[in-house]
C-alpha atoms as a PDB file:
ATOM      1  CA  UNK A   1      52.564  35.618   4.046  1.00  0.00           C
ATOM      2  CA  UNK A   2      53.225  35.969   0.337  1.00  0.00           C
ATOM      3  CA  UNK A   3      50.373  36.035  -2.172  1.00  0.00           C
ATOM      4  CA  UNK A   4      51.120  32.578  -3.607  1.00  0.00           C
ATOM      5  CA  UNK A   5      48.311  30.060  -3.871  1.00  0.00           C
ATOM      6  CA  UNK A   6      48.806  26.431  -4.829  1.00  0.00           C
ATOM      7  CA  UNK A   7      46.204  24.075  -6.205  1.00  0.00           C
ATOM      8  CA  UNK A   8      46.482  20.542  -7.544  1.00  0.00           C
ATOM      9  CA  UNK A   9      46.941  21.850 -11.081  1.00  0.00           C
ATOM     10  CA  UNK A  10      48.744  25.200 -10.814  1.00  0.00           C
ATOM     11  CA  UNK A  11      50.337  27.925  -8.717  1.00  0.00           C
ATOM     12  CA  UNK A  12      49.089  31.509  -8.628  1.00  0.00           C
ATOM     13  CA  UNK A  13      51.644  34.218  -7.887  1.00  0.00           C
ATOM     14  CA  UNK A  14      51.211  37.977  -7.333  1.00  0.00           C
ATOM     15  CA  UNK A  15      54.465  39.844  -7.950  1.00  0.00           C
ATOM     16  CA  UNK A  16      55.803  43.397  -8.220  1.00  0.00           C
ATOM     17  CA  UNK A  17      58.893  44.395 -10.161  1.00  0.00           C
ATOM     18  CA  UNK A  18      60.858  47.600 -10.580  1.00  0.00           C
ATOM     19  CA  UNK A  19      62.094  49.113 -13.835  1.00  0.00           C
ATOM     20  CA  UNK A  20      65.159  51.041 -12.623  1.00  0.00           C
ATOM     21  CA  UNK A  21      67.024  52.742 -15.448  1.00  0.00           C
ATOM     22  CA  UNK A  22      70.402  54.490 -14.994  1.00  0.00           C
ATOM     23  CA  UNK A  23      72.686  55.736 -17.793  1.00  0.00           C
ATOM     24  CA  UNK A  24      70.908  53.692 -20.501  1.00  0.00           C
ATOM     25  CA  UNK A  25      71.065  50.498 -18.378  1.00  0.00           C
ATOM     26  CA  UNK A  26      68.275  48.652 -16.564  1.00  0.00           C
ATOM     27  CA  UNK A  27      68.817  46.653 -13.369  1.00  0.00           C
ATOM     28  CA  UNK A  28      68.162  42.904 -13.733  1.00  0.00           C
ATOM     29  CA  UNK A  29      68.619  40.021 -11.313  1.00  0.00           C
ATOM     30  CA  UNK A  30      68.641  36.243 -11.271  1.00  0.00           C
ATOM     31  CA  UNK A  31      69.111  33.394  -8.866  1.00  0.00           C
ATOM     32  CA  UNK A  32      72.726  32.213  -8.839  1.00  0.00           C
ATOM     33  CA  UNK A  33      71.603  28.748  -9.969  1.00  0.00           C
ATOM     34  CA  UNK A  34      69.519  30.005 -12.921  1.00  0.00           C
ATOM     35  CA  UNK A  35      70.256  31.404 -16.369  1.00  0.00           C
ATOM     36  CA  UNK A  36      67.074  33.462 -16.714  1.00  0.00           C
ATOM     37  CA  UNK A  37      66.978  37.114 -15.691  1.00  0.00           C
ATOM     38  CA  UNK A  38      64.049  39.168 -14.398  1.00  0.00           C
ATOM     39  CA  UNK A  39      63.392  42.647 -13.101  1.00  0.00           C
ATOM     40  CA  UNK A  40      64.077  42.904  -9.359  1.00  0.00           C
ATOM     41  CA  UNK A  41      61.108  42.807  -7.035  1.00  0.00           C
ATOM     42  CA  UNK A  42      59.231  40.039  -5.321  1.00  0.00           C
ATOM     43  CA  UNK A  43      55.986  38.648  -4.108  1.00  0.00           C
ATOM     44  CA  UNK A  44      53.348  40.857  -2.612  1.00  0.00           C
ATOM     45  CA  UNK A  45      52.461  39.902   0.955  1.00  0.00           C
ATOM     46  CA  UNK A  46      48.828  39.157   1.661  1.00  0.00           C
ATOM     47  CA  UNK A  47      46.994  42.361   2.663  1.00  0.00           C
ATOM     48  CA  UNK A  48      49.946  44.518   1.514  1.00  0.00           C
ATOM     49  CA  UNK A  49      49.589  47.262  -1.105  1.00  0.00           C
ATOM     50  CA  UNK A  50      51.709  46.640  -4.209  1.00  0.00           C
ATOM     51  CA  UNK A  51      53.657  49.916  -3.877  1.00  0.00           C
ATOM     52  CA  UNK A  52      54.524  49.117  -0.262  1.00  0.00           C
ATOM     53  CA  UNK A  53      55.680  45.653  -1.399  1.00  0.00           C
ATOM     54  CA  UNK A  54      57.845  47.269  -4.072  1.00  0.00           C
ATOM     55  CA  UNK A  55      59.573  49.522  -1.545  1.00  0.00           C
ATOM     56  CA  UNK A  56      59.964  46.691   0.969  1.00  0.00           C
ATOM     57  CA  UNK A  57      61.557  44.349  -1.565  1.00  0.00           C
ATOM     58  CA  UNK A  58      64.202  46.880  -2.651  1.00  0.00           C
ATOM     59  CA  UNK A  59      65.009  47.748   0.943  1.00  0.00           C
ATOM     60  CA  UNK A  60      65.307  44.055   1.930  1.00  0.00           C
ATOM     61  CA  UNK A  61      67.240  42.931  -1.138  1.00  0.00           C
ATOM     62  CA  UNK A  62      69.450  45.943  -1.897  1.00  0.00           C
ATOM     63  CA  UNK A  63      69.236  48.233   1.133  1.00  0.00           C
ATOM     64  CA  UNK A  64      67.988  51.111  -1.000  1.00  0.00           C
ATOM     65  CA  UNK A  65      64.975  53.392  -0.593  1.00  0.00           C
ATOM     66  CA  UNK A  66      63.248  53.770  -3.927  1.00  0.00           C
ATOM     67  CA  UNK A  67      60.781  56.268  -5.358  1.00  0.00           C
ATOM     68  CA  UNK A  68      57.902  54.885  -7.376  1.00  0.00           C
ATOM     69  CA  UNK A  69      57.216  57.056 -10.403  1.00  0.00           C
ATOM     70  CA  UNK A  70      54.333  55.209 -12.045  1.00  0.00           C
ATOM     71  CA  UNK A  71      52.768  51.877 -12.912  1.00  0.00           C
ATOM     72  CA  UNK A  72      53.959  50.948 -16.423  1.00  0.00           C
ATOM     73  CA  UNK A  73      52.464  47.490 -16.996  1.00  0.00           C
ATOM     74  CA  UNK A  74      50.063  45.014 -15.509  1.00  0.00           C
ATOM     75  CA  UNK A  75      51.092  41.651 -16.846  1.00  0.00           C
ATOM     76  CA  UNK A  76      49.520  38.225 -16.889  1.00  0.00           C
ATOM     77  CA  UNK A  77      52.248  35.646 -17.266  1.00  0.00           C
ATOM     78  CA  UNK A  78      51.547  31.945 -17.829  1.00  0.00           C
ATOM     79  CA  UNK A  79      54.577  29.651 -17.657  1.00  0.00           C
ATOM     80  CA  UNK A  80      55.964  26.331 -16.519  1.00  0.00           C
ATOM     81  CA  UNK A  81      58.696  26.252 -13.847  1.00  0.00           C
ATOM     82  CA  UNK A  82      60.026  23.399 -11.772  1.00  0.00           C
ATOM     83  CA  UNK A  83      57.414  21.069 -13.262  1.00  0.00           C
ATOM     84  CA  UNK A  84      54.550  23.339 -12.192  1.00  0.00           C
ATOM     85  CA  UNK A  85      52.159  25.507 -14.195  1.00  0.00           C
ATOM     86  CA  UNK A  86      52.158  29.134 -13.028  1.00  0.00           C
ATOM     87  CA  UNK A  87      49.681  31.966 -13.417  1.00  0.00           C
ATOM     88  CA  UNK A  88      51.412  35.157 -12.353  1.00  0.00           C
ATOM     89  CA  UNK A  89      49.968  38.635 -12.082  1.00  0.00           C
ATOM     90  CA  UNK A  90      52.730  41.247 -12.159  1.00  0.00           C
ATOM     91  CA  UNK A  91      52.735  44.972 -11.530  1.00  0.00           C
ATOM     92  CA  UNK A  92      55.740  46.623 -13.184  1.00  0.00           C
ATOM     93  CA  UNK A  93      56.651  50.025 -11.753  1.00  0.00           C
ATOM     94  CA  UNK A  94      59.075  52.649 -13.059  1.00  0.00           C
ATOM     95  CA  UNK A  95      61.317  53.466 -10.092  1.00  0.00           C
ATOM     96  CA  UNK A  96      64.242  55.708  -9.206  1.00  0.00           C
ATOM     97  CA  UNK A  97      66.472  56.214  -6.187  1.00  0.00           C
ATOM     98  CA  UNK A  98      68.571  59.065  -4.850  1.00  0.00           C
ATOM     99  CA  UNK A  99      71.321  56.530  -4.099  1.00  0.00           C
ATOM    100  CA  UNK A 100      73.265  55.879  -7.312  1.00  0.00           C
ATOM    101  CA  UNK A 101      76.061  53.905  -5.623  1.00  0.00           C
ATOM    102  CA  UNK A 102      74.700  50.584  -6.881  1.00  0.00           C
ATOM    103  CA  UNK A 103      75.338  51.494 -10.497  1.00  0.00           C
ATOM    104  CA  UNK A 104      78.249  49.395 -11.740  1.00  0.00           C
ATOM    105  CA  UNK A 105      79.425  47.759 -14.943  1.00  0.00           C
ATOM    106  CA  UNK A 106      80.097  44.519 -13.033  1.00  0.00           C
ATOM    107  CA  UNK A 107      77.520  42.075 -11.620  1.00  0.00           C
ATOM    108  CA  UNK A 108      77.062  42.222  -7.850  1.00  0.00           C
ATOM    109  CA  UNK A 109      75.303  40.438  -4.985  1.00  0.00           C
ATOM    110  CA  UNK A 110      72.525  42.000  -2.938  1.00  0.00           C
ATOM    111  CA  UNK A 111      71.983  41.854   0.821  1.00  0.00           C
ATOM    112  CA  UNK A 112      70.844  38.227   0.597  1.00  0.00           C
ATOM    113  CA  UNK A 113      74.522  37.286   0.220  1.00  0.00           C
ATOM    114  CA  UNK A 114      75.142  34.992  -2.748  1.00  0.00           C
ATOM    115  CA  UNK A 115      71.520  34.061  -3.490  1.00  0.00           C
ATOM    116  CA  UNK A 116      70.844  36.606  -6.246  1.00  0.00           C
ATOM    117  CA  UNK A 117      73.083  38.279  -8.801  1.00  0.00           C
ATOM    118  CA  UNK A 118      72.275  41.799  -9.971  1.00  0.00           C
ATOM    119  CA  UNK A 119      73.478  43.339 -13.201  1.00  0.00           C
ATOM    120  CA  UNK A 120      73.021  46.682 -14.934  1.00  0.00           C
ATOM    121  CA  UNK A 121      72.289  45.696 -18.525  1.00  0.00           C
ATOM    122  CA  UNK A 122      72.347  48.087 -21.480  1.00  0.00           C
ATOM    123  CA  UNK A 123      68.769  48.545 -22.657  1.00  0.00           C
ATOM    124  CA  UNK A 124      69.850  48.069 -26.283  1.00  0.00           C
ATOM    125  CA  UNK A 125      71.175  44.566 -25.382  1.00  0.00           C
ATOM    126  CA  UNK A 126      67.927  43.273 -23.807  1.00  0.00           C
ATOM    127  CA  UNK A 127      66.753  41.552 -26.994  1.00  0.00           C
ATOM    128  CA  UNK A 128      69.602  39.039 -26.553  1.00  0.00           C
ATOM    129  CA  UNK A 129      69.139  38.506 -22.796  1.00  0.00           C
ATOM    130  CA  UNK A 130      67.173  35.588 -21.328  1.00  0.00           C
ATOM    131  CA  UNK A 131      64.818  38.066 -19.650  1.00  0.00           C
ATOM    132  CA  UNK A 132      61.360  36.930 -18.558  1.00  0.00           C
ATOM    133  CA  UNK A 133      58.590  37.663 -19.186  1.00  0.00           C
ATOM    134  CA  UNK A 134      59.849  37.867 -22.777  1.00  0.00           C
ATOM    135  CA  UNK A 135      57.600  40.850 -23.397  1.00  0.00           C
ATOM    136  CA  UNK A 136      60.066  43.003 -21.415  1.00  0.00           C
ATOM    137  CA  UNK A 137      62.908  42.428 -23.900  1.00  0.00           C
ATOM    138  CA  UNK A 138      61.275  44.828 -26.367  1.00  0.00           C
ATOM    139  CA  UNK A 139      58.900  46.580 -23.978  1.00  0.00           C
ATOM    140  CA  UNK A 140      61.625  48.312 -21.947  1.00  0.00           C
ATOM    141  CA  UNK A 141      62.959  49.788 -25.193  1.00  0.00           C
ATOM    142  CA  UNK A 142      59.508  51.305 -25.888  1.00  0.00           C
ATOM    143  CA  UNK A 143      58.051  52.327 -22.514  1.00  0.00           C
ATOM    144  CA  UNK A 144      54.408  53.372 -22.874  1.00  0.00           C
ATOM    145  CA  UNK A 145      53.244  56.786 -21.730  1.00  0.00           C
ATOM    146  CA  UNK A 146      50.228  55.292 -19.926  1.00  0.00           C
ATOM    147  CA  UNK A 147      49.751  52.021 -18.094  1.00  0.00           C
ATOM    148  CA  UNK A 148      49.330  49.037 -20.421  1.00  0.00           C
ATOM    149  CA  UNK A 149      48.302  45.424 -19.979  1.00  0.00           C
ATOM    150  CA  UNK A 150      50.099  42.457 -21.515  1.00  0.00           C
ATOM    151  CA  UNK A 151      49.478  38.717 -21.535  1.00  0.00           C
ATOM    152  CA  UNK A 152      52.297  36.247 -22.146  1.00  0.00           C
ATOM    153  CA  UNK A 153      51.921  32.492 -22.494  1.00  0.00           C
ATOM    154  CA  UNK A 154      55.156  30.518 -22.679  1.00  0.00           C
END
């Protein structure tokens, strides 16, 4: 069971996301029916540690075992989506993998068939990408040395 809680007025979501950088590019993904990009990851299951969720999501979605280097950001993201108000807590981890076969200049699909599109995006181009939370557009260019907290209200 995912850590998503719905009330009459809003939805609370607990999510993990991976910052995977290869050759000056960061891996992004989006739903095939959307225009907005995000860092790959997913919802944390109830009673599951965030790092275990992170590893599970990458294995399920891309078939790759990742290494978690460190927690970069804890983010509070407030936004509207599908007519609903969301309050999302996100843990953003710097990750790596020994498997570099996924690195490509072309977009590709993950193991979920044609549900999500993945794309290695040059870090210098992020400012012009519809990447959410917006904080990440500049933040990935200036990764902090210690864990930081951000709040974004859209």
